[in-house]
Structure formats: C-alpha cells, structure tokens
Protein backbone atom coordinates (compact mmCIF):
# COMPACT_ATOMS: atom_id res chain seq x y z
CA MET A 1 -77.51 -84.67 6.74
CA LYS A 2 -74.19 -83.49 9.31
CA ARG A 3 -73.21 -79.73 9.35
CA LEU A 4 -70.58 -77.90 9.48
CA ALA A 5 -70.10 -75.42 11.99
CA VAL A 6 -67.59 -72.33 11.21
CA GLY A 7 -66.51 -70.63 13.87
CA PRO A 8 -66.72 -70.40 17.86
CA MET A 9 -69.20 -73.42 19.42
CA THR A 10 -69.66 -72.11 22.68
CA THR A 11 -71.90 -69.74 24.15
CA PRO A 12 -70.66 -65.80 25.65
CA GLU A 13 -71.32 -67.05 29.25
CA TYR A 14 -69.42 -70.02 28.31
CA ASN A 15 -66.45 -67.91 27.01
CA GLU A 16 -67.26 -65.63 30.59
CA TRP A 17 -67.00 -68.80 32.79
CA TRP A 18 -63.93 -69.92 31.18
CA VAL A 19 -61.37 -66.56 30.84
CA ARG A 20 -63.40 -66.25 35.25
CA ARG A 21 -62.01 -69.74 35.64
CA ILE A 22 -58.11 -68.93 34.17
CA ASN A 23 -58.08 -65.94 35.96
CA ASP A 24 -59.06 -67.36 39.42
CA ASN A 25 -55.90 -69.64 38.97
CA ILE A 26 -53.62 -66.88 38.58
CA PRO A 27 -52.13 -65.88 41.91
CA GLU A 28 -52.89 -62.43 43.42
CA PRO A 29 -49.67 -61.30 45.25
CA SER A 30 -50.67 -61.80 49.65
CA HIS A 31 -49.64 -58.41 51.01
CA GLU A 32 -49.76 -60.37 54.61
CA ASN A 33 -45.69 -61.30 53.80
CA SER A 34 -44.83 -59.05 51.38
CA GLN A 35 -41.47 -57.61 52.20
CA PRO A 36 -40.78 -53.99 51.67
CA ILE A 37 -38.44 -53.09 48.76
CA GLU A 38 -35.30 -52.64 50.94
CA GLU A 39 -35.39 -55.54 52.56
CA HIS A 40 -36.23 -57.39 49.55
CA LEU A 41 -33.16 -55.97 47.68
CA ARG A 42 -30.96 -55.67 50.70
CA VAL A 43 -27.37 -57.07 50.33
CA VAL A 44 -26.54 -60.42 52.26
CA PRO A 45 -22.80 -60.29 53.04
CA SER A 46 -20.67 -63.43 51.17
CA GLU A 47 -18.77 -65.80 53.73
CA LEU A 48 -15.37 -63.97 53.38
CA GLU A 49 -16.94 -60.46 54.40
CA ILE A 50 -19.05 -62.05 57.37
CA MET A 51 -15.26 -63.74 58.24
CA LYS A 52 -13.24 -60.52 58.19
CA GLN A 53 -15.93 -58.99 59.92
CA ASP A 54 -15.49 -61.69 62.59
CA PHE A 55 -11.47 -61.16 62.65
CA GLU A 56 -11.85 -57.37 63.01
CA ARG A 57 -14.35 -58.06 66.08
CA ARG A 58 -11.74 -60.40 67.88
CA ASN A 59 -8.94 -58.53 66.42
CA ALA A 60 -10.15 -55.40 68.60
CA GLU A 61 -11.52 -57.01 71.56
CA LEU A 62 -7.41 -58.68 72.32
CA GLU A 63 -6.36 -54.95 71.32
CA LYS A 64 -8.55 -53.96 74.30
CA LYS A 65 -7.26 -57.25 76.50
CA ASP A 66 -3.77 -56.34 75.41
CA LYS A 67 -3.68 -52.87 76.81
CA ALA A 68 -5.27 -53.93 79.65
CA ASN A 69 -2.66 -56.11 80.57
CA GLY A 70 0.26 -53.69 79.75
CA ARG A 71 -1.27 -51.54 81.75
CA ARG A 72 -1.38 -54.16 84.22
CA LYS A 73 2.45 -55.62 83.63
CA ASP A 74 3.81 -51.60 83.83
CA GLU A 75 1.15 -51.98 87.18
CA LEU A 76 3.35 -54.62 88.03
CA GLU A 77 7.11 -53.25 87.28
CA ILE A 78 6.47 -49.94 89.17
CA ARG A 79 5.64 -52.23 92.57
CA ARG A 80 8.54 -54.73 92.10
CA GLU A 81 10.94 -51.77 91.30
CA CYS A 82 9.60 -50.25 94.42
CA SER A 83 9.76 -53.30 96.58
CA GLU A 84 13.05 -53.82 95.51
CA THR A 85 13.88 -50.39 96.91
CA ARG A 86 12.86 -50.92 99.98
CA GLY A 87 14.32 -54.18 100.65
CA ARG A 88 17.80 -52.33 99.15
CA ASN A 89 16.51 -49.25 101.77
CA ILE A 90 16.21 -52.18 104.47
CA LYS A 91 19.21 -53.63 103.83
CA LYS A 92 21.29 -50.71 104.07
CA ARG A 93 19.45 -49.70 107.72
CA GLU A 94 20.12 -52.86 109.17
CA SER A 95 23.88 -52.67 108.06
C-alpha cells in the first residue's frame, strides 16, 4: 500500500547541509581589493572638463612664453636704439 507523505521529506541534517551549500555560493566581499568609499565615489571629470583644463594649462604656458618674448623684444629694441644712436654719434664725429 502506498502512503502519501505530507510535510517535509528531508531530514534536519539535509536541511542544514542545503542551507550551508547555498550560503557557500554567495560571494563575500574581499577586503584585499576594496577601495575606500571616497575613492569609489570620486568625481570623474568629463571629456569636456579635461579639454578645458588642457586648454587653460596650454594657455598659461603660452602666456608665460609671450611675456618672456615681450621682454626679449623690448631688450632688442633698446639695443637697436642704442646702436642707432651710437651709429649717429660716430657719423657726427666723422663729419
């Protein structure tokens, strides 16, 4: 005669084993490669922001070069003026 089993057909040991097996498959967080929350949530600049920063940096470099070239230009003009006046003075002496 067949009996109909109503209720759990497993033993408590099997249930414990099954729960452990399921929990073993859940990955636990690894602390080896973990990042601090500040680094994880840091703001990543957009491509436009990166281009803007690049432009500002290059512009600052060019302004420095321009100032240096302006100083050189002024120095060259002064030297040219001095040599012209020397040349005039020499011509006046010779005449």
